């Protein structure tokens, strides 16, 4: 996130949101502490505005070579280790491209989900899991992130999946607003704390409905 994006982000926060974000940021400097909001979206509940075709862009899944090229370009804020892990997991990257440039993308998985560090997200495999969305700064403002959600969701529902599950950190207000606008419904929360090298994970009761939890991968 450059200075312009950072400014645009912070001016959209209310005072309460700003203070809460500062509180979380301070806590995370002292200990590893995450709060994840777990959401669900079905095509029938998605905002119809995002069902339209996105003009001026080509959409589809990137091949392995194209995914690895993303990791070599720092503009995309994605590491080679992340891409290697996603591809090894069998995950797919759905993207909008324009004149050969990947403008926006998101990752889709039907296996235990990838999270930072050794954490892994588990969910009802009747749903597809979406994560790792990103849009190049010069293409932001066109809601490609939301269109990507719906395009991927439509494809997977046509394959027989019941809908899409996604997670977002509680203090990520931009993503939360985007998800709410799109039609996502929150059904659970997962808390993660690491103390003295040990992880403590607690899922709210709502997570049970779609078998959502997190585990720590063995090293």
Protein backbone atom coordinates (compact mmCIF):
# COMPACT_ATOMS: atom_id res chain seq x y z
CA UNK A 1 0.00 0.00 0.00
CA UNK A 2 1.54 3.31 -1.10
CA UNK A 3 1.06 6.68 0.61
CA UNK A 4 -1.91 7.64 -1.57
CA UNK A 5 -3.70 4.33 -0.91
CA UNK A 6 -2.98 4.60 2.81
CA UNK A 7 -4.45 8.11 2.94
CA UNK A 8 -7.53 7.04 0.97
CA UNK A 9 -7.99 4.12 3.35
CA UNK A 10 -7.70 6.03 6.62
CA UNK A 11 -9.96 8.92 5.62
CA UNK A 12 -12.81 6.42 5.12
CA UNK A 13 -12.65 5.27 8.76
CA UNK A 14 -14.88 6.63 11.48
CA UNK A 15 -13.24 7.74 14.72
CA UNK A 16 -14.39 4.54 16.44
CA UNK A 17 -13.01 2.37 13.65
CA UNK A 18 -9.71 4.23 13.70
CA UNK A 19 -9.34 3.82 17.47
CA UNK A 20 -10.27 0.14 17.29
CA UNK A 21 -7.73 -0.41 14.52
CA UNK A 22 -5.08 1.31 16.64
CA UNK A 23 -5.99 -0.92 19.58
CA UNK A 24 -5.65 -4.08 17.47
CA UNK A 25 -2.39 -2.81 15.95
CA UNK A 26 -0.96 -2.15 19.43
CA UNK A 27 -2.05 -5.58 20.70
CA UNK A 28 -0.44 -7.24 17.68
CA UNK A 29 2.85 -5.49 18.44
CA UNK A 30 2.85 -7.11 21.89
CA UNK A 31 1.52 -10.56 21.04
CA UNK A 32 0.32 -12.44 17.96
CA UNK A 33 -3.38 -11.67 18.00
CA UNK A 34 -5.95 -12.08 15.20
CA UNK A 35 -9.73 -11.83 15.00
CA UNK A 36 -11.27 -13.25 11.83
CA UNK A 37 -14.82 -12.61 10.65
CA UNK A 38 -16.21 -15.64 8.78
CA UNK A 39 -18.66 -14.87 5.99
CA UNK A 40 -20.74 -16.68 3.38
CA UNK A 41 -22.18 -15.71 0.02
CA UNK A 42 -24.55 -17.52 -2.33
CA UNK A 43 -25.16 -16.36 -5.86
CA UNK A 44 -28.86 -15.85 -5.11
CA UNK A 45 -27.90 -13.34 -2.39
CA UNK A 46 -25.25 -11.44 -4.37
CA UNK A 47 -25.91 -7.88 -5.50
CA UNK A 48 -27.28 -8.26 -9.07
CA UNK A 49 -25.15 -5.30 -10.17
CA UNK A 50 -22.09 -7.56 -10.04
CA UNK A 51 -23.60 -10.26 -12.25
CA UNK A 52 -22.98 -8.15 -15.34
CA UNK A 53 -20.02 -8.77 -17.63
CA UNK A 54 -17.04 -6.51 -16.97
CA UNK A 55 -16.35 -4.67 -20.21
CA UNK A 56 -12.79 -4.00 -21.29
CA UNK A 57 -11.35 -7.00 -19.45
CA UNK A 58 -10.71 -10.65 -20.16
CA UNK A 59 -11.52 -13.02 -17.29
CA UNK A 60 -10.53 -16.57 -16.45
CA UNK A 61 -8.17 -18.77 -14.47
CA UNK A 62 -4.45 -18.12 -14.74
CA UNK A 63 -2.17 -21.03 -15.60
CA UNK A 64 0.68 -22.00 -13.32
CA UNK A 65 3.25 -20.02 -15.28
CA UNK A 66 1.17 -16.85 -15.11
CA UNK A 67 0.68 -17.32 -11.36
CA UNK A 68 4.43 -17.59 -10.85
CA UNK A 69 4.96 -14.41 -12.89
CA UNK A 70 2.73 -12.53 -10.44
CA UNK A 71 5.03 -13.52 -7.59
CA UNK A 72 8.08 -12.19 -9.42
CA UNK A 73 6.48 -8.75 -9.81
CA UNK A 74 6.52 -6.82 -6.53
CA UNK A 75 3.63 -4.68 -7.75
CA UNK A 76 1.27 -7.53 -6.89
CA UNK A 77 2.28 -7.84 -3.25
CA UNK A 78 2.42 -11.64 -3.42
CA UNK A 79 5.36 -13.86 -2.56
CA UNK A 80 6.75 -16.85 -4.45
CA UNK A 81 6.33 -19.01 -1.35
CA UNK A 82 2.64 -18.07 -1.21
CA UNK A 83 2.12 -19.01 -4.86
CA UNK A 84 4.05 -22.26 -4.43
CA UNK A 85 1.92 -23.16 -1.43
CA UNK A 86 -1.34 -22.27 -3.22
CA UNK A 87 -0.46 -24.24 -6.36
CA UNK A 88 0.69 -27.23 -4.31
CA UNK A 89 -2.70 -27.07 -2.56
CA UNK A 90 -4.44 -27.29 -5.93
CA UNK A 91 -5.91 -23.78 -5.63
CA UNK A 92 -6.83 -21.70 -8.67
CA UNK A 93 -6.36 -18.00 -9.38
CA UNK A 94 -9.22 -16.22 -11.18
CA UNK A 95 -8.22 -12.94 -12.77
CA UNK A 96 -9.32 -9.98 -14.85
CA UNK A 97 -6.71 -8.95 -17.40
CA UNK A 98 -6.45 -5.99 -19.75
CA UNK A 99 -3.96 -5.85 -22.63
CA UNK A 100 -1.97 -8.66 -21.04
CA UNK A 101 -1.84 -6.99 -17.63
CA UNK A 102 -3.40 -8.80 -14.65
CA UNK A 103 -5.62 -6.10 -13.16
CA UNK A 104 -7.30 -8.02 -10.35
CA UNK A 105 -7.26 -11.57 -9.02
CA UNK A 106 -8.49 -13.84 -6.26
CA UNK A 107 -7.64 -17.39 -5.20
CA UNK A 108 -10.19 -20.21 -4.93
CA UNK A 109 -9.83 -23.45 -3.02
CA UNK A 110 -11.87 -26.54 -2.18
CA UNK A 111 -9.28 -27.77 0.33
CA UNK A 112 -8.24 -26.55 3.82
CA UNK A 113 -7.45 -22.89 3.31
CA UNK A 114 -4.12 -21.12 3.33
CA UNK A 115 -3.47 -18.44 5.97
CA UNK A 116 -0.32 -16.54 7.00
CA UNK A 117 2.21 -18.59 8.94
CA UNK A 118 1.37 -22.13 10.02
CA UNK A 119 -2.40 -21.60 10.27
CA UNK A 120 -4.90 -23.51 8.16
CA UNK A 121 -8.60 -22.74 7.75
CA UNK A 122 -11.12 -25.61 7.70
CA UNK A 123 -14.70 -25.31 6.44
CA UNK A 124 -17.60 -27.22 4.90
CA UNK A 125 -16.21 -28.48 1.57
CA UNK A 126 -19.65 -28.16 0.01
CA UNK A 127 -18.59 -24.51 -0.33
CA UNK A 128 -15.66 -22.92 -2.14
CA UNK A 129 -13.16 -20.84 -0.15
CA UNK A 130 -11.95 -17.53 -1.60
CA UNK A 131 -8.88 -15.68 -0.35
CA UNK A 132 -5.90 -13.57 -1.40
CA UNK A 133 -7.76 -10.96 -3.47
CA UNK A 134 -5.75 -8.10 -4.97
CA UNK A 135 -6.31 -5.26 -7.46
CA UNK A 136 -3.56 -3.14 -9.00
CA UNK A 137 -3.76 0.46 -7.72
CA UNK A 138 -4.46 1.95 -11.16
CA UNK A 139 -7.50 -0.30 -11.58
CA UNK A 140 -9.02 0.37 -8.17
CA UNK A 141 -12.34 2.13 -7.95
CA UNK A 142 -13.94 -0.11 -10.59
CA UNK A 143 -15.04 -2.73 -8.06
CA UNK A 144 -13.12 -5.49 -9.85
CA UNK A 145 -12.67 -7.17 -6.47
CA UNK A 146 -16.44 -7.58 -6.14
CA UNK A 147 -16.90 -8.67 -9.77
CA UNK A 148 -14.18 -11.27 -9.25
CA UNK A 149 -16.03 -12.68 -6.24
CA UNK A 150 -19.26 -13.09 -8.21
CA UNK A 151 -17.61 -14.47 -11.38
CA UNK A 152 -15.76 -17.11 -9.37
CA UNK A 153 -18.84 -17.90 -7.29
CA UNK A 154 -20.99 -18.32 -10.41
CA UNK A 155 -18.48 -20.75 -11.91
CA UNK A 156 -18.25 -22.88 -8.79
CA UNK A 157 -21.99 -22.95 -8.12
CA UNK A 158 -22.45 -24.22 -11.69
CA UNK A 159 -20.10 -27.05 -10.72
CA UNK A 160 -22.32 -27.96 -7.78
CA UNK A 161 -20.89 -26.00 -4.86
CA UNK A 162 -23.43 -24.41 -2.49
CA UNK A 163 -21.73 -21.03 -2.27
CA UNK A 164 -18.59 -19.25 -1.12
CA UNK A 165 -16.97 -18.90 2.29
CA UNK A 166 -14.47 -16.15 2.99
CA UNK A 167 -12.67 -14.70 5.99
CA UNK A 168 -11.47 -11.18 6.76
CA UNK A 169 -9.62 -9.68 9.69
CA UNK A 170 -12.00 -7.73 11.91
CA UNK A 171 -10.16 -4.42 11.56
CA UNK A 172 -10.03 -4.60 7.74
CA UNK A 173 -12.92 -2.19 7.26
CA UNK A 174 -12.44 -1.75 3.51
CA UNK A 175 -12.85 -5.47 2.83
CA UNK A 176 -15.72 -5.69 5.29
CA UNK A 177 -17.59 -2.85 3.56
CA UNK A 178 -16.96 -4.46 0.18
CA UNK A 179 -18.23 -7.84 1.42
CA UNK A 180 -21.33 -6.31 3.00
CA UNK A 181 -22.11 -4.38 -0.16
CA UNK A 182 -21.72 -7.53 -2.23
CA UNK A 183 -24.16 -9.52 -0.09
CA UNK A 184 -21.95 -11.57 2.25
CA UNK A 185 -23.47 -12.64 5.58
CA UNK A 186 -21.34 -13.04 8.72
CA UNK A 187 -22.00 -16.27 10.61
CA UNK A 188 -18.98 -16.68 12.88
CA UNK A 189 -15.77 -15.34 14.40
CA UNK A 190 -12.44 -17.04 15.07
CA UNK A 191 -9.93 -15.72 17.62
CA UNK A 192 -6.23 -16.62 17.39
CA UNK A 193 -3.57 -15.81 20.00
CA UNK A 194 0.02 -17.03 20.16
CA UNK A 195 1.77 -16.99 23.53
CA UNK A 196 5.21 -18.45 24.28
CA UNK A 197 5.24 -20.20 20.91
CA UNK A 198 1.85 -21.86 21.40
CA UNK A 199 -1.36 -21.05 19.49
CA UNK A 200 -4.73 -20.69 21.21
CA UNK A 201 -7.68 -20.81 18.79
CA UNK A 202 -11.33 -20.30 19.64
CA UNK A 203 -14.24 -20.35 17.20
CA UNK A 204 -17.64 -18.85 18.00
CA UNK A 205 -20.68 -21.13 18.09
CA UNK A 206 -21.86 -19.81 14.73
CA UNK A 207 -18.85 -21.42 13.06
CA UNK A 208 -20.26 -24.88 13.80
CA UNK A 209 -22.96 -24.42 11.15
CA UNK A 210 -20.39 -24.69 8.36
CA UNK A 211 -17.72 -26.68 10.22
CA UNK A 212 -15.33 -23.71 10.37
CA UNK A 213 -12.22 -23.77 12.50
CA UNK A 214 -8.45 -23.22 12.31
CA UNK A 215 -5.59 -25.53 13.07
CA UNK A 216 -1.82 -25.20 13.26
CA UNK A 217 0.20 -27.09 10.68
CA UNK A 218 2.92 -29.29 12.09
CA UNK A 219 6.38 -28.11 11.13
